[in-house]
Amino acid sequence: MTAALSRRTMLAATGAALAYPHAVAAQTPFALALAGVPEDSITPVLYGVQSGLFKRNGLDVQVSPERSGPAITAGVAGGAYQIGKSSISPLILAHAKGLKFVIVAPAGVYTSAAPIDGMFVRTDSTFKTGADLNGKTFGVYGIGDIYTISARAWMEKNGGDPTSLKFVELPISAMVEAIASGRVDAGAMNEPAVQVALLNPKVRLVAHPFAAVAPRFLYTAWFAATPWAAAHRPAVDAFARALRDAATYVNAHHAETAPLISTFTSVDIATVNKMERVDQGTSLDPKLVQPVIDEMAKSKAIPTAFDARELFLKA
């Protein structure tokens, strides 16, 4: 009787598990491997991990640093990461080529009133205008990234020929030295690398090129492969929900979250405390993505503009 009862109980439990898989799955956190370029728009994820926000939303998140948006895009496409953070332009380019990626959450929002980007040259150089940079080498984190797009836009608006720039891909940690040594004539970066550059007497700030794209736009976003996101919608929604709460906290607690970005980027805390902090996005707004799409179409980086909503995961 006991054996039969145990068998019936086991069968009933198995049936319940098959009928209600989410009830069983909820007991084990869903593992997510994330990657992002080590700059301030990754801070909400770091806070989400530290604070337990992701765990409370049923997620076990592991985040790794990568050197560029294109490298992260390749990692997501290859399955090394489920979700990645990239500058917005590689995602736009991928969409234009028919590749299946979808934005699942906002990351960093640029606003010209509090710029977090910078174009730098050697201190002893005479470069001031776009024309001065015609035919010069320009350092970016990844070819085709938002620094590439904004540099071209700045060149065009400041008397230069954007098609003449020769872009060189460099990791964040090497950008300032590459400019100072003359390996590249100019380079673009954002916080906290901007603050590191401002403290270096060998380089000087020329402009904030992001402003040439628009006064306000989403410059980085969290994304996934479209088939994966569609097949794991509960996990994607949980990630977006936790990240929204984390971004809201980070926007209101710069001092408390400075150690997180200091550790992840290996930039000392004193430098981080001096820098302009990123406006962390808390909702997906197609109006903040459309200016980048339009600029890329204008510069022929993509064949034609499209509606920014095509990049978002459908409800």
C-alpha atoms as a PDB file:
ATOM      1  CA  MET A   1       0.000   0.000   0.000  1.00  0.00           C
ATOM      2  CA  THR A   2       2.771   2.384   0.919  1.00  0.00           C
ATOM      3  CA  ALA A   3       4.752   1.467  -2.195  1.00  0.00           C
ATOM      4  CA  ALA A   4       1.676   1.916  -4.385  1.00  0.00           C
ATOM      5  CA  LEU A   5       0.875   5.219  -2.752  1.00  0.00           C
ATOM      6  CA  SER A   6       4.418   6.424  -3.263  1.00  0.00           C
ATOM      7  CA  ARG A   7       4.251   5.426  -6.922  1.00  0.00           C
ATOM      8  CA  ARG A   8       0.923   7.209  -7.397  1.00  0.00           C
ATOM      9  CA  THR A   9       2.350  10.273  -5.638  1.00  0.00           C
ATOM     10  CA  MET A  10       5.397  10.281  -7.892  1.00  0.00           C
ATOM     11  CA  LEU A  11       3.280   9.939 -11.004  1.00  0.00           C
ATOM     12  CA  ALA A  12       1.031  12.775  -9.868  1.00  0.00           C
ATOM     13  CA  ALA A  13       4.028  14.981  -9.160  1.00  0.00           C
ATOM     14  CA  THR A  14       5.518  14.203 -12.566  1.00  0.00           C
ATOM     15  CA  GLY A  15       2.217  15.032 -14.235  1.00  0.00           C
ATOM     16  CA  ALA A  16       2.050  18.336 -12.388  1.00  0.00           C
ATOM     17  CA  ALA A  17       5.576  19.186 -13.455  1.00  0.00           C
ATOM     18  CA  LEU A  18       4.711  18.531 -17.088  1.00  0.00           C
ATOM     19  CA  ALA A  19       1.480  20.483 -16.863  1.00  0.00           C
ATOM     20  CA  TYR A  20       3.005  23.437 -15.010  1.00  0.00           C
ATOM     21  CA  PRO A  21       6.666  23.689 -16.037  1.00  0.00           C
ATOM     22  CA  HIS A  22       7.027  27.291 -14.852  1.00  0.00           C
ATOM     23  CA  ALA A  23       6.074  26.316 -11.317  1.00  0.00           C
ATOM     24  CA  VAL A  24       9.003  23.889 -11.210  1.00  0.00           C
ATOM     25  CA  ALA A  25      11.371  26.168 -13.137  1.00  0.00           C
ATOM     26  CA  ALA A  26      10.665  28.985 -10.726  1.00  0.00           C
ATOM     27  CA  GLN A  27      12.516  27.054  -8.027  1.00  0.00           C
ATOM     28  CA  THR A  28      15.771  27.227 -10.024  1.00  0.00           C
ATOM     29  CA  PRO A  29      17.024  30.647 -11.233  1.00  0.00           C
ATOM     30  CA  PHE A  30      17.245  30.966 -15.014  1.00  0.00           C
ATOM     31  CA  ALA A  31      20.922  31.339 -16.001  1.00  0.00           C
ATOM     32  CA  LEU A  32      21.811  34.300 -18.209  1.00  0.00           C
ATOM     33  CA  ALA A  33      25.301  34.984 -19.591  1.00  0.00           C
ATOM     34  CA  LEU A  34      25.668  38.693 -20.389  1.00  0.00           C
ATOM     35  CA  ALA A  35      28.445  40.781 -21.939  1.00  0.00           C
ATOM     36  CA  GLY A  36      29.057  44.501 -22.311  1.00  0.00           C
ATOM     37  CA  VAL A  37      31.766  47.038 -23.041  1.00  0.00           C
ATOM     38  CA  PRO A  38      33.087  48.252 -19.665  1.00  0.00           C
ATOM     39  CA  GLU A  39      31.608  51.736 -19.528  1.00  0.00           C
ATOM     40  CA  ASP A  40      29.022  53.407 -17.317  1.00  0.00           C
ATOM     41  CA  SER A  41      25.892  52.182 -19.110  1.00  0.00           C
ATOM     42  CA  ILE A  42      26.627  48.697 -17.758  1.00  0.00           C
ATOM     43  CA  THR A  43      26.316  49.879 -14.137  1.00  0.00           C
ATOM     44  CA  PRO A  44      22.618  48.935 -13.697  1.00  0.00           C
ATOM     45  CA  VAL A  45      23.427  45.299 -14.474  1.00  0.00           C
ATOM     46  CA  LEU A  46      26.296  45.360 -11.981  1.00  0.00           C
ATOM     47  CA  TYR A  47      23.939  46.787  -9.375  1.00  0.00           C
ATOM     48  CA  GLY A  48      21.252  44.256 -10.271  1.00  0.00           C
ATOM     49  CA  VAL A  49      23.698  41.431  -9.595  1.00  0.00           C
ATOM     50  CA  GLN A  50      25.078  42.925  -6.366  1.00  0.00           C
ATOM     51  CA  SER A  51      21.710  43.882  -4.905  1.00  0.00           C
ATOM     52  CA  GLY A  52      19.972  40.599  -5.714  1.00  0.00           C
ATOM     53  CA  LEU A  53      17.418  42.254  -8.014  1.00  0.00           C
ATOM     54  CA  PHE A  54      17.996  39.645 -10.706  1.00  0.00           C
ATOM     55  CA  LYS A  55      17.774  36.757  -8.258  1.00  0.00           C
ATOM     56  CA  ARG A  56      14.492  38.104  -6.898  1.00  0.00           C
ATOM     57  CA  ASN A  57      13.230  38.032 -10.478  1.00  0.00           C
ATOM     58  CA  GLY A  58      14.271  34.403 -10.919  1.00  0.00           C
ATOM     59  CA  LEU A  59      17.518  35.040 -12.809  1.00  0.00           C
ATOM     60  CA  ASP A  60      21.115  33.964 -12.249  1.00  0.00           C
ATOM     61  CA  VAL A  61      23.079  36.631 -14.142  1.00  0.00           C
ATOM     62  CA  GLN A  62      26.775  36.448 -14.992  1.00  0.00           C
ATOM     63  CA  VAL A  63      28.293  39.456 -16.795  1.00  0.00           C
ATOM     64  CA  SER A  64      31.577  39.593 -18.714  1.00  0.00           C
ATOM     65  CA  PRO A  65      33.473  42.555 -20.217  1.00  0.00           C
ATOM     66  CA  GLU A  66      34.033  42.692 -23.983  1.00  0.00           C
ATOM     67  CA  ARG A  67      36.042  45.144 -26.061  1.00  0.00           C
ATOM     68  CA  SER A  68      33.398  46.285 -28.566  1.00  0.00           C
ATOM     69  CA  GLY A  69      29.781  46.128 -29.654  1.00  0.00           C
ATOM     70  CA  PRO A  70      30.585  44.127 -32.820  1.00  0.00           C
ATOM     71  CA  ALA A  71      32.453  41.542 -30.698  1.00  0.00           C
ATOM     72  CA  ILE A  72      29.445  41.223 -28.407  1.00  0.00           C
ATOM     73  CA  THR A  73      27.096  40.937 -31.382  1.00  0.00           C
ATOM     74  CA  ALA A  74      29.199  38.026 -32.646  1.00  0.00           C
ATOM     75  CA  GLY A  75      29.101  36.450 -29.166  1.00  0.00           C
ATOM     76  CA  VAL A  76      25.318  36.653 -28.986  1.00  0.00           C
ATOM     77  CA  ALA A  77      24.957  35.303 -32.506  1.00  0.00           C
ATOM     78  CA  GLY A  78      27.234  32.387 -31.650  1.00  0.00           C
ATOM     79  CA  GLY A  79      25.469  31.570 -28.378  1.00  0.00           C
ATOM     80  CA  ALA A  80      28.320  32.536 -26.036  1.00  0.00           C
ATOM     81  CA  TYR A  81      25.986  35.112 -24.474  1.00  0.00           C
ATOM     82  CA  GLN A  82      22.203  35.141 -24.242  1.00  0.00           C
ATOM     83  CA  ILE A  83      22.010  38.928 -23.905  1.00  0.00           C
ATOM     84  CA  GLY A  84      24.590  41.583 -24.750  1.00  0.00           C
ATOM     85  CA  LYS A  85      25.033  45.328 -24.486  1.00  0.00           C
ATOM     86  CA  SER A  86      26.109  47.083 -27.651  1.00  0.00           C
ATOM     87  CA  SER A  87      26.206  50.562 -29.045  1.00  0.00           C
ATOM     88  CA  ILE A  88      23.049  50.997 -31.041  1.00  0.00           C
ATOM     89  CA  SER A  89      24.605  51.236 -34.517  1.00  0.00           C
ATOM     90  CA  PRO A  90      25.814  47.602 -34.904  1.00  0.00           C
ATOM     91  CA  LEU A  91      22.265  46.473 -34.109  1.00  0.00           C
ATOM     92  CA  ILE A  92      20.880  48.823 -36.747  1.00  0.00           C
ATOM     93  CA  LEU A  93      23.430  47.585 -39.276  1.00  0.00           C
ATOM     94  CA  ALA A  94      22.621  43.955 -38.442  1.00  0.00           C
ATOM     95  CA  HIS A  95      18.895  44.611 -38.938  1.00  0.00           C
ATOM     96  CA  ALA A  96      19.564  46.251 -42.289  1.00  0.00           C
ATOM     97  CA  LYS A  97      21.454  43.111 -43.330  1.00  0.00           C
ATOM     98  CA  GLY A  98      18.576  40.880 -42.279  1.00  0.00           C
ATOM     99  CA  LEU A  99      20.250  39.450 -39.177  1.00  0.00           C
ATOM    100  CA  LYS A 100      17.894  38.491 -36.368  1.00  0.00           C
ATOM    101  CA  PHE A 101      18.622  40.603 -33.282  1.00  0.00           C
ATOM    102  CA  VAL A 102      16.129  42.394 -31.071  1.00  0.00           C
ATOM    103  CA  ILE A 103      16.515  45.085 -28.413  1.00  0.00           C
ATOM    104  CA  VAL A 104      15.158  43.837 -25.083  1.00  0.00           C
ATOM    105  CA  ALA A 105      16.023  46.766 -22.767  1.00  0.00           C
ATOM    106  CA  PRO A 106      17.541  50.243 -22.905  1.00  0.00           C
ATOM    107  CA  ALA A 107      21.016  51.010 -21.593  1.00  0.00           C
ATOM    108  CA  GLY A 108      22.694  54.431 -21.890  1.00  0.00           C
ATOM    109  CA  VAL A 109      20.925  57.585 -23.043  1.00  0.00           C
ATOM    110  CA  TYR A 110      23.028  60.442 -24.410  1.00  0.00           C
ATOM    111  CA  THR A 111      21.976  64.025 -23.742  1.00  0.00           C
ATOM    112  CA  SER A 112      23.948  67.011 -25.007  1.00  0.00           C
ATOM    113  CA  ALA A 113      23.185  68.941 -21.805  1.00  0.00           C
ATOM    114  CA  ALA A 114      25.426  66.503 -19.900  1.00  0.00           C
ATOM    115  CA  PRO A 115      27.757  64.919 -22.479  1.00  0.00           C
ATOM    116  CA  ILE A 116      29.455  61.656 -21.589  1.00  0.00           C
ATOM    117  CA  ASP A 117      31.453  61.329 -24.825  1.00  0.00           C
ATOM    118  CA  GLY A 118      34.551  63.022 -26.152  1.00  0.00           C
ATOM    119  CA  MET A 119      36.802  63.303 -29.209  1.00  0.00           C
ATOM    120  CA  PHE A 120      40.454  63.678 -28.266  1.00  0.00           C
ATOM    121  CA  VAL A 121      43.671  64.549 -30.083  1.00  0.00           C
ATOM    122  CA  ARG A 122      47.275  65.032 -28.987  1.00  0.00           C
ATOM    123  CA  THR A 123      47.766  68.145 -26.895  1.00  0.00           C
ATOM    124  CA  ASP A 124      50.393  69.511 -29.302  1.00  0.00           C
ATOM    125  CA  SER A 125      48.290  68.939 -32.425  1.00  0.00           C
ATOM    126  CA  THR A 126      46.651  71.770 -34.347  1.00  0.00           C
ATOM    127  CA  PHE A 127      43.437  69.859 -35.102  1.00  0.00           C
ATOM    128  CA  LYS A 128      40.311  71.921 -34.444  1.00  0.00           C
ATOM    129  CA  THR A 129      37.833  71.482 -37.318  1.00  0.00           C
ATOM    130  CA  GLY A 130      36.517  68.648 -39.392  1.00  0.00           C
ATOM    131  CA  ALA A 131      38.669  69.762 -42.321  1.00  0.00           C
ATOM    132  CA  ASP A 132      41.763  69.384 -40.131  1.00  0.00           C
ATOM    133  CA  LEU A 133      40.992  65.678 -39.773  1.00  0.00           C
ATOM    134  CA  ASN A 134      40.523  64.939 -43.466  1.00  0.00           C
ATOM    135  CA  GLY A 135      42.416  61.762 -44.323  1.00  0.00           C
ATOM    136  CA  LYS A 136      43.480  61.161 -40.708  1.00  0.00           C
ATOM    137  CA  THR A 137      43.329  57.995 -38.603  1.00  0.00           C
ATOM    138  CA  PHE A 138      40.589  57.821 -35.989  1.00  0.00           C
ATOM    139  CA  GLY A 139      40.374  55.364 -33.086  1.00  0.00           C
ATOM    140  CA  VAL A 140      37.050  53.720 -32.199  1.00  0.00           C
ATOM    141  CA  TYR A 141      36.054  50.728 -30.052  1.00  0.00           C
ATOM    142  CA  GLY A 142      34.548  48.859 -32.986  1.00  0.00           C
ATOM    143  CA  ILE A 143      34.304  49.623 -36.708  1.00  0.00           C
ATOM    144  CA  GLY A 144      30.743  50.749 -37.418  1.00  0.00           C
ATOM    145  CA  ASP A 145      29.946  51.516 -33.759  1.00  0.00           C
ATOM    146  CA  ILE A 146      28.292  54.692 -32.473  1.00  0.00           C
ATOM    147  CA  TYR A 147      31.707  56.377 -32.244  1.00  0.00           C
ATOM    148  CA  THR A 148      32.232  55.717 -35.948  1.00  0.00           C
ATOM    149  CA  ILE A 149      28.799  57.071 -36.850  1.00  0.00           C
ATOM    150  CA  SER A 150      29.067  60.157 -34.634  1.00  0.00           C
ATOM    151  CA  ALA A 151      32.614  60.968 -35.829  1.00  0.00           C
ATOM    152  CA  ARG A 152      31.406  60.965 -39.425  1.00  0.00           C
ATOM    153  CA  ALA A 153      28.418  63.140 -38.501  1.00  0.00           C
ATOM    154  CA  TRP A 154      30.675  65.603 -36.655  1.00  0.00           C
ATOM    155  CA  MET A 155      33.091  65.743 -39.601  1.00  0.00           C
ATOM    156  CA  GLU A 156      30.296  66.580 -42.029  1.00  0.00           C
ATOM    157  CA  LYS A 157      28.884  69.312 -39.782  1.00  0.00           C
ATOM    158  CA  ASN A 158      32.299  70.857 -39.165  1.00  0.00           C
ATOM    159  CA  GLY A 159      33.679  71.257 -42.670  1.00  0.00           C
ATOM    160  CA  GLY A 160      35.325  67.866 -43.121  1.00  0.00           C
ATOM    161  CA  ASP A 161      34.995  64.922 -45.471  1.00  0.00           C
ATOM    162  CA  PRO A 162      33.726  61.986 -43.377  1.00  0.00           C
ATOM    163  CA  THR A 163      34.533  59.489 -46.118  1.00  0.00           C
ATOM    164  CA  SER A 164      38.229  60.320 -45.793  1.00  0.00           C
ATOM    165  CA  LEU A 165      38.578  59.155 -42.166  1.00  0.00           C
ATOM    166  CA  LYS A 166      40.532  55.947 -41.632  1.00  0.00           C
ATOM    167  CA  PHE A 167      39.078  54.120 -38.632  1.00  0.00           C
ATOM    168  CA  VAL A 168      41.212  51.955 -36.368  1.00  0.00           C
ATOM    169  CA  GLU A 169      39.635  49.562 -33.843  1.00  0.00           C
ATOM    170  CA  LEU A 170      41.181  49.850 -30.365  1.00  0.00           C
ATOM    171  CA  PRO A 171      40.243  48.578 -26.908  1.00  0.00           C
ATOM    172  CA  ILE A 172      39.142  51.180 -24.359  1.00  0.00           C
ATOM    173  CA  SER A 173      42.278  50.738 -22.286  1.00  0.00           C
ATOM    174  CA  ALA A 174      44.547  51.529 -25.262  1.00  0.00           C
ATOM    175  CA  MET A 175      42.739  54.567 -26.710  1.00  0.00           C
ATOM    176  CA  VAL A 176      44.425  57.409 -24.797  1.00  0.00           C
ATOM    177  CA  GLU A 177      47.928  56.033 -25.278  1.00  0.00           C
ATOM    178  CA  ALA A 178      47.272  55.437 -28.983  1.00  0.00           C
ATOM    179  CA  ILE A 179      46.338  59.113 -29.383  1.00  0.00           C
ATOM    180  CA  ALA A 180      49.226  60.366 -27.229  1.00  0.00           C
ATOM    181  CA  SER A 181      51.797  58.249 -29.101  1.00  0.00           C
ATOM    182  CA  GLY A 182      50.513  59.240 -32.533  1.00  0.00           C
ATOM    183  CA  ARG A 183      49.339  55.761 -33.464  1.00  0.00           C
ATOM    184  CA  VAL A 184      46.030  57.438 -34.347  1.00  0.00           C
ATOM    185  CA  ASP A 185      45.443  61.129 -34.994  1.00  0.00           C
ATOM    186  CA  ALA A 186      42.221  61.282 -32.988  1.00  0.00           C
ATOM    187  CA  GLY A 187      39.897  59.002 -31.073  1.00  0.00           C
ATOM    188  CA  ALA A 188      36.479  58.919 -29.443  1.00  0.00           C
ATOM    189  CA  MET A 189      35.400  57.465 -26.118  1.00  0.00           C
ATOM    190  CA  ASN A 190      32.854  57.832 -23.354  1.00  0.00           C
ATOM    191  CA  GLU A 191      32.825  57.720 -19.575  1.00  0.00           C
ATOM    192  CA  PRO A 192      34.794  56.719 -17.609  1.00  0.00           C
ATOM    193  CA  ALA A 193      37.465  56.784 -20.333  1.00  0.00           C
ATOM    194  CA  VAL A 194      36.652  60.457 -21.019  1.00  0.00           C
ATOM    195  CA  GLN A 195      37.544  61.434 -17.462  1.00  0.00           C
ATOM    196  CA  VAL A 196      40.769  59.409 -17.670  1.00  0.00           C
ATOM    197  CA  ALA A 197      41.662  61.293 -20.862  1.00  0.00           C
ATOM    198  CA  LEU A 198      40.810  64.686 -19.359  1.00  0.00           C
ATOM    199  CA  LEU A 199      43.330  64.013 -16.586  1.00  0.00           C
ATOM    200  CA  ASN A 200      46.083  63.106 -19.070  1.00  0.00           C
ATOM    201  CA  PRO A 201      48.205  66.123 -20.128  1.00  0.00           C
ATOM    202  CA  LYS A 202      49.225  64.409 -23.382  1.00  0.00           C
ATOM    203  CA  VAL A 203      45.739  64.637 -24.962  1.00  0.00           C
ATOM    204  CA  ARG A 204      43.051  67.301 -25.222  1.00  0.00           C
ATOM    205  CA  LEU A 205      39.310  67.387 -25.843  1.00  0.00           C
ATOM    206  CA  VAL A 206      38.202  68.660 -29.258  1.00  0.00           C
ATOM    207  CA  ALA A 207      34.454  68.006 -29.307  1.00  0.00           C
ATOM    208  CA  HIS A 208      31.492  65.948 -28.140  1.00  0.00           C
ATOM    209  CA  PRO A 209      30.669  64.173 -31.436  1.00  0.00           C
ATOM    210  CA  PHE A 210      27.543  62.408 -30.171  1.00  0.00           C
ATOM    211  CA  ALA A 211      25.766  65.787 -30.347  1.00  0.00           C
ATOM    212  CA  ALA A 212      26.170  65.737 -34.134  1.00  0.00           C
ATOM    213  CA  VAL A 213      23.759  62.787 -34.241  1.00  0.00           C
ATOM    214  CA  ALA A 214      21.033  64.287 -32.022  1.00  0.00           C
ATOM    215  CA  PRO A 215      20.745  66.205 -28.735  1.00  0.00           C
ATOM    216  CA  ARG A 216      19.302  63.097 -27.083  1.00  0.00           C
ATOM    217  CA  PHE A 217      19.321  59.451 -28.155  1.00  0.00           C
ATOM    218  CA  LEU A 218      19.798  55.889 -26.931  1.00  0.00           C
ATOM    219  CA  TYR A 219      23.460  55.116 -27.560  1.00  0.00           C
ATOM    220  CA  THR A 220      23.621  51.609 -26.060  1.00  0.00           C
ATOM    221  CA  ALA A 221      21.032  48.878 -25.619  1.00  0.00           C
ATOM    222  CA  TRP A 222      20.677  45.316 -24.340  1.00  0.00           C
ATOM    223  CA  PHE A 223      19.807  42.869 -27.106  1.00  0.00           C
ATOM    224  CA  ALA A 224      19.356  39.180 -27.877  1.00  0.00           C
ATOM    225  CA  ALA A 225      19.000  36.915 -30.880  1.00  0.00           C
ATOM    226  CA  THR A 226      15.365  37.177 -31.978  1.00  0.00           C
ATOM    227  CA  PRO A 227      14.623  33.414 -31.963  1.00  0.00           C
ATOM    228  CA  TRP A 228      16.136  33.033 -28.482  1.00  0.00           C
ATOM    229  CA  ALA A 229      14.215  36.019 -27.105  1.00  0.00           C
ATOM    230  CA  ALA A 230      10.928  34.749 -28.534  1.00  0.00           C
ATOM    231  CA  ALA A 231      11.511  31.280 -27.065  1.00  0.00           C
ATOM    232  CA  HIS A 232      12.450  32.642 -23.613  1.00  0.00           C
ATOM    233  CA  ARG A 233      10.008  35.515 -23.237  1.00  0.00           C
ATOM    234  CA  PRO A 234       9.470  35.092 -19.448  1.00  0.00           C
ATOM    235  CA  ALA A 235      13.224  35.356 -18.841  1.00  0.00           C
ATOM    236  CA  VAL A 236      13.523  38.366 -21.164  1.00  0.00           C
ATOM    237  CA  ASP A 237      10.636  40.122 -19.421  1.00  0.00           C
ATOM    238  CA  ALA A 238      12.138  39.361 -16.003  1.00  0.00           C
ATOM    239  CA  PHE A 239      15.503  40.759 -17.146  1.00  0.00           C
ATOM    240  CA  ALA A 240      13.912  43.964 -18.488  1.00  0.00           C
ATOM    241  CA  ARG A 241      11.859  44.405 -15.322  1.00  0.00           C
ATOM    242  CA  ALA A 242      14.830  43.960 -12.994  1.00  0.00           C
ATOM    243  CA  LEU A 243      17.037  46.173 -15.162  1.00  0.00           C
ATOM    244  CA  ARG A 244      14.460  48.974 -15.126  1.00  0.00           C
ATOM    245  CA  ASP A 245      14.443  48.943 -11.327  1.00  0.00           C
ATOM    246  CA  ALA A 246      18.244  48.827 -11.242  1.00  0.00           C
ATOM    247  CA  ALA A 247      18.559  51.750 -13.685  1.00  0.00           C
ATOM    248  CA  THR A 248      16.136  53.817 -11.626  1.00  0.00           C
ATOM    249  CA  TYR A 249      18.259  53.199  -8.532  1.00  0.00           C
ATOM    250  CA  VAL A 250      21.564  53.964 -10.294  1.00  0.00           C
ATOM    251  CA  ASN A 251      20.233  57.267 -11.684  1.00  0.00           C
ATOM    252  CA  ALA A 252      19.424  58.391  -8.148  1.00  0.00           C
ATOM    253  CA  HIS A 253      22.497  56.950  -6.376  1.00  0.00           C
ATOM    254  CA  HIS A 254      25.666  57.898  -8.207  1.00  0.00           C
ATOM    255  CA  ALA A 255      27.911  57.887  -5.152  1.00  0.00           C
ATOM    256  CA  GLU A 256      26.681  54.512  -3.963  1.00  0.00           C
ATOM    257  CA  THR A 257      27.181  52.858  -7.382  1.00  0.00           C
ATOM    258  CA  ALA A 258      30.517  54.467  -8.279  1.00  0.00           C
ATOM    259  CA  PRO A 259      32.520  51.557  -6.759  1.00  0.00           C
ATOM    260  CA  LEU A 260      30.727  49.107  -9.063  1.00  0.00           C
ATOM    261  CA  ILE A 261      31.819  50.808 -12.274  1.00  0.00           C
ATOM    262  CA  SER A 262      35.260  51.528 -10.796  1.00  0.00           C
ATOM    263  CA  THR A 263      35.874  47.833 -10.170  1.00  0.00           C
ATOM    264  CA  PHE A 264      34.439  46.634 -13.496  1.00  0.00           C
ATOM    265  CA  THR A 265      36.423  49.151 -15.580  1.00  0.00           C
ATOM    266  CA  SER A 266      39.581  49.200 -13.420  1.00  0.00           C
ATOM    267  CA  VAL A 267      39.312  52.985 -13.245  1.00  0.00           C
ATOM    268  CA  ASP A 268      40.129  54.383  -9.795  1.00  0.00           C
ATOM    269  CA  ILE A 269      37.219  55.569  -7.682  1.00  0.00           C
ATOM    270  CA  ALA A 270      38.477  59.168  -7.497  1.00  0.00           C
ATOM    271  CA  THR A 271      38.308  59.419 -11.293  1.00  0.00           C
ATOM    272  CA  VAL A 272      34.868  57.829 -11.440  1.00  0.00           C
ATOM    273  CA  ASN A 273      33.576  60.303  -8.855  1.00  0.00           C
ATOM    274  CA  LYS A 274      34.669  63.215 -11.075  1.00  0.00           C
ATOM    275  CA  MET A 275      33.106  61.992 -14.301  1.00  0.00           C
ATOM    276  CA  GLU A 276      29.737  62.817 -15.836  1.00  0.00           C
ATOM    277  CA  ARG A 277      27.448  59.891 -15.055  1.00  0.00           C
ATOM    278  CA  VAL A 278      25.373  58.295 -17.779  1.00  0.00           C
ATOM    279  CA  ASP A 279      21.604  58.755 -17.897  1.00  0.00           C
ATOM    280  CA  GLN A 280      20.486  55.120 -17.555  1.00  0.00           C
ATOM    281  CA  GLY A 281      17.469  54.296 -19.706  1.00  0.00           C
ATOM    282  CA  THR A 282      14.363  53.038 -17.928  1.00  0.00           C
ATOM    283  CA  SER A 283      12.010  52.501 -20.887  1.00  0.00           C
ATOM    284  CA  LEU A 284      12.301  51.699 -24.580  1.00  0.00           C
ATOM    285  CA  ASP A 285      11.321  54.689 -26.712  1.00  0.00           C
ATOM    286  CA  PRO A 286      11.598  54.404 -30.507  1.00  0.00           C
ATOM    287  CA  LYS A 287      12.034  58.184 -30.692  1.00  0.00           C
ATOM    288  CA  LEU A 288      15.419  57.774 -28.970  1.00  0.00           C
ATOM    289  CA  VAL A 289      16.585  55.222 -31.551  1.00  0.00           C
ATOM    290  CA  GLN A 290      15.244  56.786 -34.755  1.00  0.00           C
ATOM    291  CA  PRO A 291      17.873  59.593 -34.958  1.00  0.00           C
ATOM    292  CA  VAL A 292      20.685  57.043 -35.154  1.00  0.00           C
ATOM    293  CA  ILE A 293      18.890  55.068 -37.874  1.00  0.00           C
ATOM    294  CA  ASP A 294      18.310  58.258 -39.860  1.00  0.00           C
ATOM    295  CA  GLU A 295      21.943  59.365 -39.482  1.00  0.00           C
ATOM    296  CA  MET A 296      23.187  55.959 -40.637  1.00  0.00           C
ATOM    297  CA  ALA A 297      20.916  56.099 -43.697  1.00  0.00           C
ATOM    298  CA  LYS A 298      22.102  59.633 -44.440  1.00  0.00           C
ATOM    299  CA  SER A 299      25.753  58.571 -44.307  1.00  0.00           C
ATOM    300  CA  LYS A 300      25.026  55.445 -46.421  1.00  0.00           C
ATOM    301  CA  ALA A 301      26.022  53.109 -43.575  1.00  0.00           C
ATOM    302  CA  ILE A 302      22.689  51.383 -44.291  1.00  0.00           C
ATOM    303  CA  PRO A 303      20.753  51.430 -47.590  1.00  0.00           C
ATOM    304  CA  THR A 304      17.655  53.134 -46.236  1.00  0.00           C
ATOM    305  CA  ALA A 305      16.015  54.237 -42.983  1.00  0.00           C
ATOM    306  CA  PHE A 306      13.379  52.094 -41.275  1.00  0.00           C
ATOM    307  CA  ASP A 307      11.004  52.388 -38.328  1.00  0.00           C
ATOM    308  CA  ALA A 308      12.889  51.993 -35.030  1.00  0.00           C
ATOM    309  CA  ARG A 309      10.079  49.809 -33.683  1.00  0.00           C
ATOM    310  CA  GLU A 310      11.285  47.038 -36.000  1.00  0.00           C
ATOM    311  CA  LEU A 311      14.233  46.610 -33.609  1.00  0.00           C
ATOM    312  CA  PHE A 312      12.040  45.954 -30.561  1.00  0.00           C
ATOM    313  CA  LEU A 313      10.732  42.625 -29.333  1.00  0.00           C
ATOM    314  CA  LYS A 314       7.082  42.416 -30.296  1.00  0.00           C
ATOM    315  CA  ALA A 315       4.494  42.098 -27.529  1.00  0.00           C
END
